[in-house]
Amino acid sequence: MIPLMVALGAAVGAPCRYLLDGWVKDRHPGGLPLGTLLINLSGSAALGLLMGLAAGGAIGSEVLAAAGTGWCGAFTTYSTFSFEVVQLARQNRFGAATGYVLVSIGVGLALAWGGVELGLALS
């Protein structure tokens, strides 16, 4: 049952990523990867929250598999993040590349941590 839950979550997460990235690009065409940034930061917060809820016993393994492994796994994207950093660097936009890396990792970790703490508090 768990593999099916992961597959169902992933089937929803990937289209969510595609649609949100397109929505952001339509509104901010400046060449910065704001869509991926928003996706990865919100996904970090969501997975942190789910892990906190699971650790506190508020959600079970099926929900964690569907929403955490499936949805968050398909929604967030390390490979696109890596590619976009390389593209910024290849365009000699080293400040943008460095800022993108620092914000993605630093804020992503903070949001994941905050999500875990919130999930534990809600459990």
Protein backbone atom coordinates (compact mmCIF):
# COMPACT_ATOMS: atom_id res chain seq x y z
CA MET A 1 0.00 0.00 0.00
CA ILE A 2 2.85 2.42 0.79
CA PRO A 3 4.30 2.36 -2.78
CA LEU A 4 0.85 3.18 -4.14
CA MET A 5 0.55 6.12 -1.74
CA VAL A 6 3.96 7.41 -2.87
CA ALA A 7 2.92 7.11 -6.52
CA LEU A 8 -0.36 8.92 -5.92
CA GLY A 9 1.37 11.75 -4.09
CA ALA A 10 3.99 12.05 -6.83
CA ALA A 11 1.29 12.13 -9.50
CA VAL A 12 -0.05 15.28 -7.85
CA GLY A 13 3.28 16.86 -6.85
CA ALA A 14 4.88 16.98 -10.29
CA PRO A 15 1.98 18.82 -11.97
CA CYS A 16 1.84 21.22 -9.02
CA ARG A 17 5.52 22.05 -9.57
CA TYR A 18 5.01 22.53 -13.31
CA LEU A 19 1.99 24.79 -12.86
CA LEU A 20 3.48 26.90 -10.06
CA ASP A 21 6.76 27.38 -11.93
CA GLY A 22 4.88 28.49 -15.04
CA TRP A 23 2.70 30.84 -13.01
CA VAL A 24 5.76 32.49 -11.43
CA LYS A 25 7.63 32.75 -14.76
CA ASP A 26 4.61 34.46 -16.35
CA ARG A 27 4.67 37.12 -13.64
CA HIS A 28 8.46 37.48 -13.20
CA PRO A 29 10.19 36.92 -16.55
CA GLY A 30 13.49 38.46 -15.38
CA GLY A 31 15.61 35.34 -15.77
CA LEU A 32 16.00 34.60 -12.08
CA PRO A 33 14.78 31.14 -11.03
CA LEU A 34 12.11 32.45 -8.66
CA GLY A 35 9.70 29.61 -9.45
CA THR A 36 12.14 26.92 -8.41
CA LEU A 37 13.11 28.94 -5.36
CA LEU A 38 9.48 29.26 -4.25
CA ILE A 39 8.85 25.58 -4.96
CA ASN A 40 11.86 24.34 -3.03
CA LEU A 41 11.31 26.67 -0.07
CA SER A 42 7.63 25.84 0.28
CA GLY A 43 8.42 22.14 -0.19
CA SER A 44 11.03 22.32 2.58
CA ALA A 45 8.49 23.87 4.93
CA ALA A 46 5.81 21.33 3.96
CA LEU A 47 8.09 18.33 4.44
CA GLY A 48 9.29 19.69 7.77
CA LEU A 49 5.69 20.10 8.91
CA LEU A 50 4.80 16.58 7.79
CA MET A 51 7.81 15.11 9.56
CA GLY A 52 6.92 16.98 12.73
CA LEU A 53 3.33 15.79 12.54
CA ALA A 54 4.50 12.22 11.95
CA ALA A 55 6.99 12.36 14.82
CA GLY A 56 4.24 13.62 17.10
CA GLY A 57 1.87 10.87 16.01
CA ALA A 58 -0.65 13.17 14.29
CA ILE A 59 -0.32 11.47 10.89
CA GLY A 60 0.41 7.89 9.94
CA SER A 61 2.86 6.27 7.59
CA GLU A 62 0.43 6.22 4.65
CA VAL A 63 -0.14 9.97 4.81
CA LEU A 64 3.58 10.62 5.26
CA ALA A 65 4.34 8.38 2.27
CA ALA A 66 1.79 10.12 0.04
CA ALA A 67 2.37 13.70 1.12
CA GLY A 68 6.02 13.57 2.16
CA THR A 69 7.81 11.11 -0.09
CA GLY A 70 5.33 11.34 -2.96
CA TRP A 71 4.07 14.90 -3.16
CA CYS A 72 7.07 16.74 -1.67
CA GLY A 73 9.49 14.49 -3.52
CA ALA A 74 7.89 15.20 -6.88
CA PHE A 75 7.13 18.85 -6.10
CA THR A 76 10.61 19.92 -5.06
CA THR A 77 13.57 19.70 -7.40
CA TYR A 78 17.24 19.56 -6.55
CA SER A 79 18.21 18.80 -10.14
CA THR A 80 16.53 21.92 -11.53
CA PHE A 81 18.07 24.01 -8.74
CA SER A 82 21.53 22.65 -9.65
CA PHE A 83 20.99 23.27 -13.35
CA GLU A 84 19.82 26.83 -12.75
CA VAL A 85 22.88 27.61 -10.61
CA VAL A 86 25.11 26.33 -13.41
CA GLN A 87 23.21 28.42 -15.97
CA LEU A 88 23.55 31.58 -13.89
CA ALA A 89 27.28 30.94 -13.48
CA ARG A 90 27.70 30.26 -17.22
CA GLN A 91 26.06 33.64 -17.86
CA ASN A 92 28.68 35.23 -15.57
CA ARG A 93 25.93 36.07 -13.07
CA PHE A 94 28.02 34.88 -10.13
CA GLY A 95 26.32 37.13 -7.59
CA ALA A 96 22.90 35.82 -8.57
CA ALA A 97 24.17 32.22 -8.54
CA THR A 98 25.74 32.64 -5.11
CA GLY A 99 22.67 34.38 -3.70
CA TYR A 100 20.41 31.69 -5.11
CA VAL A 101 22.48 28.95 -3.47
CA LEU A 102 22.66 30.74 -0.12
CA VAL A 103 18.96 31.61 0.02
CA SER A 104 17.88 28.17 -1.19
CA ILE A 105 19.95 26.30 1.36
CA GLY A 106 19.81 28.71 4.30
CA VAL A 107 16.14 29.61 4.10
CA GLY A 108 15.22 26.06 3.09
CA LEU A 109 16.87 24.65 6.21
CA ALA A 110 15.22 27.27 8.41
CA LEU A 111 11.79 26.54 6.92
CA ALA A 112 12.26 22.78 7.31
CA TRP A 113 13.27 23.24 10.94
CA GLY A 114 10.36 25.58 11.57
CA GLY A 115 8.00 23.12 9.91
CA VAL A 116 9.20 20.29 12.16
CA GLU A 117 8.74 22.43 15.26
CA LEU A 118 5.28 23.54 14.15
CA GLY A 119 4.28 19.97 13.37
CA LEU A 120 5.45 18.78 16.77
CA ALA A 121 3.58 21.64 18.47
CA LEU A 122 0.38 20.78 16.59
CA SER A 123 0.61 17.07 17.42
